[in-house]
Every structure is written in C-alpha cells, then in structure tokens.
C-alpha cells in the first residue's frame, strides 16, 4: 500500500501523493506493475489510512539529533 512514491531516496525529485493509495498483490505481482482496483479494497485502504494517521499523531516530531555537530565529537585529521 503506497500513499506516497518517489523514484529514489536522496534525490531532488518530489514525492508523489496517491489518493487513493496504490495497492498491489505482491504475491502475484512482485514487481508492483499492476495496481489493484481501490474500489474493491476500500475497507482495507480506509483502515490503513486510519492507522497511518494514528501513527503520525503519536510521533514526537522534534529536530533530528544528528543535525547538531559538536567539534569535540568529530574525528580529527592531521593530514
């Protein structure tokens, strides 16, 4: 189930939002080439959307700790 897609991580292209989300039968279509008809899976899609919202609401969206750099923690090079 894909709410958003992107061609690759760490590149400049924008995420694409899918509404309804893309849903695949990965057992029979492991390459995710043929999206399933969302109208046939509305209950599953609605439940997944609810769970996604609940999860996002539970996340503490603070700044990543790795963005701050203290010089004393960086490796030195005497080259």
C-alpha atoms as a PDB file:
ATOM      1  CA  UNK A   1       0.000   0.000   0.000  1.00  0.00           C
ATOM      2  CA  UNK A   2       1.645   3.243  -1.144  1.00  0.00           C
ATOM      3  CA  UNK A   3       0.362   6.654  -0.057  1.00  0.00           C
ATOM      4  CA  UNK A   4       3.473   8.351  -1.481  1.00  0.00           C
ATOM      5  CA  UNK A   5       6.053   7.288  -4.055  1.00  0.00           C
ATOM      6  CA  UNK A   6       9.419   8.671  -5.105  1.00  0.00           C
ATOM      7  CA  UNK A   7      11.837   7.456  -7.767  1.00  0.00           C
ATOM      8  CA  UNK A   8      14.712   7.072  -5.312  1.00  0.00           C
ATOM      9  CA  UNK A   9      15.898   8.199  -1.882  1.00  0.00           C
ATOM     10  CA  UNK A  10      18.272  11.133  -1.579  1.00  0.00           C
ATOM     11  CA  UNK A  11      17.494  12.768  -4.908  1.00  0.00           C
ATOM     12  CA  UNK A  12      15.798  16.038  -5.796  1.00  0.00           C
ATOM     13  CA  UNK A  13      12.554  14.741  -7.292  1.00  0.00           C
ATOM     14  CA  UNK A  14       9.331  15.369  -5.414  1.00  0.00           C
ATOM     15  CA  UNK A  15       7.274  12.713  -3.676  1.00  0.00           C
ATOM     16  CA  UNK A  16       4.048  11.885  -5.472  1.00  0.00           C
ATOM     17  CA  UNK A  17       0.934  11.633  -3.290  1.00  0.00           C
ATOM     18  CA  UNK A  18      -1.552   8.943  -4.316  1.00  0.00           C
ATOM     19  CA  UNK A  19      -5.216   9.357  -3.420  1.00  0.00           C
ATOM     20  CA  UNK A  20      -6.415   6.681  -3.372  1.00  0.00           C
ATOM     21  CA  UNK A  21      -3.152   4.975  -2.441  1.00  0.00           C
ATOM     22  CA  UNK A  22      -1.615   2.361  -4.697  1.00  0.00           C
ATOM     23  CA  UNK A  23      -2.366  -1.194  -3.614  1.00  0.00           C
ATOM     24  CA  UNK A  24      -0.646  -4.284  -5.054  1.00  0.00           C
ATOM     25  CA  UNK A  25      -0.887  -8.054  -4.741  1.00  0.00           C
ATOM     26  CA  UNK A  26       2.827  -8.641  -4.185  1.00  0.00           C
ATOM     27  CA  UNK A  27       2.445 -12.420  -4.119  1.00  0.00           C
ATOM     28  CA  UNK A  28       1.211 -12.433  -7.713  1.00  0.00           C
ATOM     29  CA  UNK A  29       2.787  -9.144  -8.850  1.00  0.00           C
ATOM     30  CA  UNK A  30       6.136  -8.787  -7.022  1.00  0.00           C
ATOM     31  CA  UNK A  31       7.222  -6.014  -9.384  1.00  0.00           C
ATOM     32  CA  UNK A  32       4.190  -3.921  -8.389  1.00  0.00           C
ATOM     33  CA  UNK A  33       3.313  -3.292 -12.030  1.00  0.00           C
ATOM     34  CA  UNK A  34      -0.470  -3.738 -11.792  1.00  0.00           C
ATOM     35  CA  UNK A  35      -2.249  -1.705  -9.085  1.00  0.00           C
ATOM     36  CA  UNK A  36      -5.414  -3.272  -7.692  1.00  0.00           C
ATOM     37  CA  UNK A  37      -8.763  -1.542  -8.094  1.00  0.00           C
ATOM     38  CA  UNK A  38      -9.104   0.643  -4.964  1.00  0.00           C
ATOM     39  CA  UNK A  39     -12.908   0.427  -5.050  1.00  0.00           C
ATOM     40  CA  UNK A  40     -12.625  -3.315  -4.397  1.00  0.00           C
ATOM     41  CA  UNK A  41     -10.441  -2.735  -1.309  1.00  0.00           C
ATOM     42  CA  UNK A  42     -11.981   0.401   0.224  1.00  0.00           C
ATOM     43  CA  UNK A  43     -12.223  -1.067   3.731  1.00  0.00           C
ATOM     44  CA  UNK A  44      -8.532  -2.022   3.765  1.00  0.00           C
ATOM     45  CA  UNK A  45      -7.481   1.373   2.389  1.00  0.00           C
ATOM     46  CA  UNK A  46      -9.607   3.233   4.962  1.00  0.00           C
ATOM     47  CA  UNK A  47      -8.194   1.143   7.817  1.00  0.00           C
ATOM     48  CA  UNK A  48      -4.624   1.715   6.628  1.00  0.00           C
ATOM     49  CA  UNK A  49      -5.270   5.467   6.385  1.00  0.00           C
ATOM     50  CA  UNK A  50      -6.613   5.492   9.936  1.00  0.00           C
ATOM     51  CA  UNK A  51      -3.589   3.574  11.234  1.00  0.00           C
ATOM     52  CA  UNK A  52      -1.203   5.905   9.378  1.00  0.00           C
ATOM     53  CA  UNK A  53      -2.868   8.974  10.901  1.00  0.00           C
ATOM     54  CA  UNK A  54      -2.776   7.440  14.393  1.00  0.00           C
ATOM     55  CA  UNK A  55       0.912   6.661  13.982  1.00  0.00           C
ATOM     56  CA  UNK A  56       1.804  10.154  12.719  1.00  0.00           C
ATOM     57  CA  UNK A  57      -0.167  11.714  15.577  1.00  0.00           C
ATOM     58  CA  UNK A  58       1.860   9.641  18.073  1.00  0.00           C
ATOM     59  CA  UNK A  59       5.289  10.660  16.756  1.00  0.00           C
ATOM     60  CA  UNK A  60       7.303  13.299  18.611  1.00  0.00           C
ATOM     61  CA  UNK A  61       8.317  15.483  15.636  1.00  0.00           C
ATOM     62  CA  UNK A  62      11.418  17.058  17.177  1.00  0.00           C
ATOM     63  CA  UNK A  63      14.569  18.003  15.300  1.00  0.00           C
ATOM     64  CA  UNK A  64      16.958  15.146  14.497  1.00  0.00           C
ATOM     65  CA  UNK A  65      19.826  14.904  16.945  1.00  0.00           C
ATOM     66  CA  UNK A  66      22.300  14.265  14.145  1.00  0.00           C
ATOM     67  CA  UNK A  67      21.961  17.763  12.681  1.00  0.00           C
ATOM     68  CA  UNK A  68      23.836  19.446  15.530  1.00  0.00           C
ATOM     69  CA  UNK A  69      27.583  18.955  15.254  1.00  0.00           C
ATOM     70  CA  UNK A  70      29.888  19.469  18.170  1.00  0.00           C
ATOM     71  CA  UNK A  71      33.538  19.775  17.069  1.00  0.00           C
ATOM     72  CA  UNK A  72      34.694  17.640  20.008  1.00  0.00           C
ATOM     73  CA  UNK A  73      32.784  14.662  18.565  1.00  0.00           C
ATOM     74  CA  UNK A  74      34.192  14.906  15.018  1.00  0.00           C
ATOM     75  CA  UNK A  75      37.168  12.774  14.021  1.00  0.00           C
ATOM     76  CA  UNK A  76      40.351  14.739  13.500  1.00  0.00           C
ATOM     77  CA  UNK A  77      42.772  14.504  10.630  1.00  0.00           C
ATOM     78  CA  UNK A  78      46.357  15.701  10.796  1.00  0.00           C
ATOM     79  CA  UNK A  79      46.969  15.103   7.101  1.00  0.00           C
END
